[in-house]
């Protein structure tokens, strides 16, 4: 079982109005059986005050509850998530398949955007380091890894599609 928390410092300024506050996320992650996991989190517990024309107004930070279940086995991963959205419940599900520990194909769906998203990734090992311990035992450590990802997401409320591309270096 794992517990986590995240503190957010909020700050906003638009024209002559400004505001600040905080929000706290906290959650629990619980692996169970051999290939399953369960996660529960509460998002944006906090306070935000906006100053408009010299007067401070308290605004609600959109709080929400998320519950998710995941399945991971070797080169296959699926997850399902429910979120208590501000105006309606949101359902998300997705999956990933890995080929040869190098190539990744991903797909997902979110009920709010009513669109299927997809993506792919490449994990390229740049090199491996080898060293010998004092007892003459040889050991290998994974070296740097280059990560390249692309995803496509249609969003109906914006009538626009979003393309995401990222490059990462893991060491």
C-alpha atoms as a PDB file:
ATOM      1  CA  UNK A   1       0.000   0.000   0.000  1.00  0.00           C
ATOM      2  CA  UNK A   2       1.260   3.486  -0.868  1.00  0.00           C
ATOM      3  CA  UNK A   3       0.051   6.888   0.336  1.00  0.00           C
ATOM      4  CA  UNK A   4       0.718  10.213  -1.333  1.00  0.00           C
ATOM      5  CA  UNK A   5      -0.091  13.902  -1.160  1.00  0.00           C
ATOM      6  CA  UNK A   6       0.456  16.946  -3.336  1.00  0.00           C
ATOM      7  CA  UNK A   7       0.252  20.588  -2.251  1.00  0.00           C
ATOM      8  CA  UNK A   8      -0.609  23.171  -4.921  1.00  0.00           C
ATOM      9  CA  UNK A   9      -0.022  26.878  -4.485  1.00  0.00           C
ATOM     10  CA  UNK A  10      -2.597  28.787  -6.545  1.00  0.00           C
ATOM     11  CA  UNK A  11      -1.996  32.263  -7.942  1.00  0.00           C
ATOM     12  CA  UNK A  12      -4.002  34.100 -10.583  1.00  0.00           C
ATOM     13  CA  UNK A  13      -3.988  37.615 -12.007  1.00  0.00           C
ATOM     14  CA  UNK A  14      -6.346  38.861 -14.708  1.00  0.00           C
ATOM     15  CA  UNK A  15      -6.496  42.593 -15.461  1.00  0.00           C
ATOM     16  CA  UNK A  16      -7.146  44.342 -12.122  1.00  0.00           C
ATOM     17  CA  UNK A  17      -8.249  41.167 -10.286  1.00  0.00           C
ATOM     18  CA  UNK A  18      -5.866  38.853  -8.484  1.00  0.00           C
ATOM     19  CA  UNK A  19      -6.182  35.853  -6.239  1.00  0.00           C
ATOM     20  CA  UNK A  20      -4.285  33.209  -4.362  1.00  0.00           C
ATOM     21  CA  UNK A  21      -4.892  30.064  -2.400  1.00  0.00           C
ATOM     22  CA  UNK A  22      -3.903  26.461  -1.978  1.00  0.00           C
ATOM     23  CA  UNK A  23      -5.203  23.024  -2.857  1.00  0.00           C
ATOM     24  CA  UNK A  24      -4.261  19.604  -1.556  1.00  0.00           C
ATOM     25  CA  UNK A  25      -4.514  16.247  -3.348  1.00  0.00           C
ATOM     26  CA  UNK A  26      -4.127  13.011  -1.440  1.00  0.00           C
ATOM     27  CA  UNK A  27      -4.488   9.399  -2.397  1.00  0.00           C
ATOM     28  CA  UNK A  28      -3.872   5.741  -1.747  1.00  0.00           C
ATOM     29  CA  UNK A  29      -2.559   3.080  -4.129  1.00  0.00           C
ATOM     30  CA  UNK A  30      -3.042  -0.576  -3.337  1.00  0.00           C
ATOM     31  CA  UNK A  31      -1.646  -3.441  -5.462  1.00  0.00           C
ATOM     32  CA  UNK A  32      -3.654  -6.645  -4.998  1.00  0.00           C
ATOM     33  CA  UNK A  33      -3.722 -10.174  -6.336  1.00  0.00           C
ATOM     34  CA  UNK A  34      -0.864 -10.589  -8.782  1.00  0.00           C
ATOM     35  CA  UNK A  35      -1.626  -8.224 -11.646  1.00  0.00           C
ATOM     36  CA  UNK A  36      -4.209  -5.749 -10.289  1.00  0.00           C
ATOM     37  CA  UNK A  37      -4.071  -2.401  -8.503  1.00  0.00           C
ATOM     38  CA  UNK A  38      -6.613  -0.026  -6.986  1.00  0.00           C
ATOM     39  CA  UNK A  39      -6.200   3.710  -6.515  1.00  0.00           C
ATOM     40  CA  UNK A  40      -8.368   6.296  -4.776  1.00  0.00           C
ATOM     41  CA  UNK A  41      -7.611  10.010  -4.625  1.00  0.00           C
ATOM     42  CA  UNK A  42      -9.307  13.192  -3.506  1.00  0.00           C
ATOM     43  CA  UNK A  43      -8.348  16.263  -5.531  1.00  0.00           C
ATOM     44  CA  UNK A  44      -8.255  19.995  -4.835  1.00  0.00           C
ATOM     45  CA  UNK A  45      -9.191  20.191  -1.172  1.00  0.00           C
ATOM     46  CA  UNK A  46      -8.441  23.828  -0.489  1.00  0.00           C
ATOM     47  CA  UNK A  47      -9.226  27.508  -0.482  1.00  0.00           C
ATOM     48  CA  UNK A  48      -9.005  30.277  -3.096  1.00  0.00           C
ATOM     49  CA  UNK A  49      -9.672  33.982  -2.556  1.00  0.00           C
ATOM     50  CA  UNK A  50      -9.989  36.463  -5.392  1.00  0.00           C
ATOM     51  CA  UNK A  51      -9.590  40.213  -4.917  1.00  0.00           C
ATOM     52  CA  UNK A  52     -11.993  42.124  -7.190  1.00  0.00           C
ATOM     53  CA  UNK A  53     -12.207  45.921  -6.973  1.00  0.00           C
ATOM     54  CA  UNK A  54     -10.502  45.882  -3.563  1.00  0.00           C
ATOM     55  CA  UNK A  55     -12.882  43.295  -2.097  1.00  0.00           C
ATOM     56  CA  UNK A  56     -11.853  39.679  -1.369  1.00  0.00           C
ATOM     57  CA  UNK A  57     -14.246  36.968  -2.520  1.00  0.00           C
ATOM     58  CA  UNK A  58     -13.917  33.291  -1.577  1.00  0.00           C
ATOM     59  CA  UNK A  59     -14.254  30.946  -4.560  1.00  0.00           C
ATOM     60  CA  UNK A  60     -14.733  27.204  -4.490  1.00  0.00           C
ATOM     61  CA  UNK A  61     -11.893  25.117  -5.854  1.00  0.00           C
ATOM     62  CA  UNK A  62     -13.434  22.280  -7.922  1.00  0.00           C
ATOM     63  CA  UNK A  63     -12.946  19.263  -5.648  1.00  0.00           C
ATOM     64  CA  UNK A  64     -13.303  15.722  -6.877  1.00  0.00           C
ATOM     65  CA  UNK A  65     -12.954  12.053  -6.070  1.00  0.00           C
ATOM     66  CA  UNK A  66     -11.180   9.579  -8.394  1.00  0.00           C
ATOM     67  CA  UNK A  67     -11.254   5.791  -8.219  1.00  0.00           C
ATOM     68  CA  UNK A  68      -9.335   3.579 -10.606  1.00  0.00           C
ATOM     69  CA  UNK A  69      -8.468  -0.057 -11.226  1.00  0.00           C
ATOM     70  CA  UNK A  70      -5.474  -1.219 -13.240  1.00  0.00           C
ATOM     71  CA  UNK A  71      -4.286  -4.499 -14.734  1.00  0.00           C
ATOM     72  CA  UNK A  72      -0.645  -5.010 -15.701  1.00  0.00           C
ATOM     73  CA  UNK A  73       0.879  -8.201 -16.983  1.00  0.00           C
ATOM     74  CA  UNK A  74       4.228  -8.386 -18.730  1.00  0.00           C
ATOM     75  CA  UNK A  75       3.744  -6.325 -21.917  1.00  0.00           C
ATOM     76  CA  UNK A  76       0.057  -5.476 -21.462  1.00  0.00           C
ATOM     77  CA  UNK A  77      -1.581  -2.767 -19.344  1.00  0.00           C
ATOM     78  CA  UNK A  78      -5.242  -1.700 -18.973  1.00  0.00           C
ATOM     79  CA  UNK A  79      -6.891   0.760 -16.621  1.00  0.00           C
ATOM     80  CA  UNK A  80     -10.345   2.092 -15.808  1.00  0.00           C
ATOM     81  CA  UNK A  81     -11.039   5.288 -13.885  1.00  0.00           C
ATOM     82  CA  UNK A  82     -14.147   7.030 -12.562  1.00  0.00           C
ATOM     83  CA  UNK A  83     -14.067  10.687 -11.493  1.00  0.00           C
ATOM     84  CA  UNK A  84     -16.743  12.635  -9.681  1.00  0.00           C
ATOM     85  CA  UNK A  85     -16.555  15.631 -12.019  1.00  0.00           C
ATOM     86  CA  UNK A  86     -17.731  19.125 -11.184  1.00  0.00           C
ATOM     87  CA  UNK A  87     -20.822  18.872 -13.416  1.00  0.00           C
ATOM     88  CA  UNK A  88     -20.966  15.184 -14.402  1.00  0.00           C
ATOM     89  CA  UNK A  89     -19.216  11.899 -13.751  1.00  0.00           C
ATOM     90  CA  UNK A  90     -16.249  11.196 -16.012  1.00  0.00           C
ATOM     91  CA  UNK A  91     -15.228   7.712 -17.132  1.00  0.00           C
ATOM     92  CA  UNK A  92     -11.812   6.960 -18.580  1.00  0.00           C
ATOM     93  CA  UNK A  93     -10.250   3.753 -19.804  1.00  0.00           C
ATOM     94  CA  UNK A  94      -7.127   2.952 -21.716  1.00  0.00           C
ATOM     95  CA  UNK A  95      -4.463   0.445 -22.496  1.00  0.00           C
ATOM     96  CA  UNK A  96      -0.900  -0.041 -23.610  1.00  0.00           C
ATOM     97  CA  UNK A  97       0.864  -2.871 -25.414  1.00  0.00           C
ATOM     98  CA  UNK A  98       4.652  -3.159 -25.443  1.00  0.00           C
ATOM     99  CA  UNK A  99       6.620  -4.925 -28.176  1.00  0.00           C
ATOM    100  CA  UNK A 100      10.194  -6.119 -27.564  1.00  0.00           C
ATOM    101  CA  UNK A 101      10.480  -3.729 -24.573  1.00  0.00           C
ATOM    102  CA  UNK A 102      11.104  -0.948 -27.112  1.00  0.00           C
ATOM    103  CA  UNK A 103       7.849  -0.031 -28.893  1.00  0.00           C
ATOM    104  CA  UNK A 104       4.641   1.023 -27.149  1.00  0.00           C
ATOM    105  CA  UNK A 105       1.145   1.434 -28.622  1.00  0.00           C
ATOM    106  CA  UNK A 106      -1.495   3.184 -26.501  1.00  0.00           C
ATOM    107  CA  UNK A 107      -5.213   3.956 -26.802  1.00  0.00           C
ATOM    108  CA  UNK A 108      -7.770   5.506 -24.477  1.00  0.00           C
ATOM    109  CA  UNK A 109     -11.252   6.937 -24.167  1.00  0.00           C
ATOM    110  CA  UNK A 110     -12.734   9.670 -21.981  1.00  0.00           C
ATOM    111  CA  UNK A 111     -16.493  10.163 -21.675  1.00  0.00           C
ATOM    112  CA  UNK A 112     -16.225  13.956 -21.310  1.00  0.00           C
ATOM    113  CA  UNK A 113     -14.426  14.509 -24.611  1.00  0.00           C
ATOM    114  CA  UNK A 114     -16.262  11.608 -26.292  1.00  0.00           C
ATOM    115  CA  UNK A 115     -13.225  10.791 -28.337  1.00  0.00           C
ATOM    116  CA  UNK A 116     -10.737   8.016 -28.749  1.00  0.00           C
ATOM    117  CA  UNK A 117      -7.132   9.023 -28.237  1.00  0.00           C
ATOM    118  CA  UNK A 118      -4.120   7.041 -29.323  1.00  0.00           C
ATOM    119  CA  UNK A 119      -0.373   7.221 -29.207  1.00  0.00           C
ATOM    120  CA  UNK A 120       2.890   5.417 -29.500  1.00  0.00           C
ATOM    121  CA  UNK A 121       6.281   5.512 -27.884  1.00  0.00           C
ATOM    122  CA  UNK A 122       9.829   4.313 -28.260  1.00  0.00           C
ATOM    123  CA  UNK A 123      12.191   3.426 -25.418  1.00  0.00           C
ATOM    124  CA  UNK A 124      15.777   3.318 -26.657  1.00  0.00           C
ATOM    125  CA  UNK A 125      18.640   2.244 -24.381  1.00  0.00           C
ATOM    126  CA  UNK A 126      21.616   4.462 -25.148  1.00  0.00           C
ATOM    127  CA  UNK A 127      24.238   2.299 -23.416  1.00  0.00           C
ATOM    128  CA  UNK A 128      24.854  -0.015 -20.503  1.00  0.00           C
ATOM    129  CA  UNK A 129      27.531   0.438 -17.886  1.00  0.00           C
ATOM    130  CA  UNK A 130      29.456  -2.566 -16.675  1.00  0.00           C
ATOM    131  CA  UNK A 131      31.595  -2.656 -13.585  1.00  0.00           C
ATOM    132  CA  UNK A 132      33.387  -5.177 -11.420  1.00  0.00           C
ATOM    133  CA  UNK A 133      32.968  -5.240  -7.683  1.00  0.00           C
ATOM    134  CA  UNK A 134      35.860  -5.624  -5.259  1.00  0.00           C
ATOM    135  CA  UNK A 135      35.280  -9.379  -5.178  1.00  0.00           C
ATOM    136  CA  UNK A 136      35.615  -9.633  -8.961  1.00  0.00           C
ATOM    137  CA  UNK A 137      31.857 -10.063  -9.469  1.00  0.00           C
ATOM    138  CA  UNK A 138      30.644  -8.516 -12.706  1.00  0.00           C
ATOM    139  CA  UNK A 139      27.524  -6.381 -12.523  1.00  0.00           C
ATOM    140  CA  UNK A 140      25.561  -4.506 -15.181  1.00  0.00           C
ATOM    141  CA  UNK A 141      23.579  -1.370 -14.592  1.00  0.00           C
ATOM    142  CA  UNK A 142      21.092   0.083 -17.010  1.00  0.00           C
ATOM    143  CA  UNK A 143      22.497   3.220 -18.574  1.00  0.00           C
ATOM    144  CA  UNK A 144      20.679   6.179 -20.021  1.00  0.00           C
ATOM    145  CA  UNK A 145      17.366   5.610 -21.780  1.00  0.00           C
ATOM    146  CA  UNK A 146      15.868   7.881 -24.437  1.00  0.00           C
ATOM    147  CA  UNK A 147      12.051   8.083 -24.401  1.00  0.00           C
ATOM    148  CA  UNK A 148      10.084   9.438 -27.368  1.00  0.00           C
ATOM    149  CA  UNK A 149       6.269   9.687 -27.210  1.00  0.00           C
ATOM    150  CA  UNK A 150       3.476  10.961 -29.436  1.00  0.00           C
ATOM    151  CA  UNK A 151      -0.278  11.119 -28.788  1.00  0.00           C
ATOM    152  CA  UNK A 152      -3.374  12.370 -30.571  1.00  0.00           C
ATOM    153  CA  UNK A 153      -6.557  13.425 -28.752  1.00  0.00           C
ATOM    154  CA  UNK A 154      -9.729  14.800 -30.346  1.00  0.00           C
ATOM    155  CA  UNK A 155     -11.665  17.213 -28.147  1.00  0.00           C
ATOM    156  CA  UNK A 156     -15.272  17.797 -29.156  1.00  0.00           C
ATOM    157  CA  UNK A 157     -15.859  20.823 -26.902  1.00  0.00           C
ATOM    158  CA  UNK A 158     -13.050  22.736 -28.632  1.00  0.00           C
ATOM    159  CA  UNK A 159     -13.639  21.370 -32.134  1.00  0.00           C
ATOM    160  CA  UNK A 160      -9.870  20.966 -32.231  1.00  0.00           C
ATOM    161  CA  UNK A 161      -7.501  18.041 -32.043  1.00  0.00           C
ATOM    162  CA  UNK A 162      -4.465  17.983 -29.793  1.00  0.00           C
ATOM    163  CA  UNK A 163      -1.129  16.481 -30.805  1.00  0.00           C
ATOM    164  CA  UNK A 164       1.404  15.911 -28.022  1.00  0.00           C
ATOM    165  CA  UNK A 165       5.046  15.061 -28.561  1.00  0.00           C
ATOM    166  CA  UNK A 166       7.698  14.640 -25.889  1.00  0.00           C
ATOM    167  CA  UNK A 167      11.275  13.509 -25.566  1.00  0.00           C
ATOM    168  CA  UNK A 168      12.759  12.382 -22.261  1.00  0.00           C
ATOM    169  CA  UNK A 169      16.046  11.123 -20.928  1.00  0.00           C
ATOM    170  CA  UNK A 170      16.049   8.653 -18.049  1.00  0.00           C
ATOM    171  CA  UNK A 171      19.261   8.024 -16.143  1.00  0.00           C
END
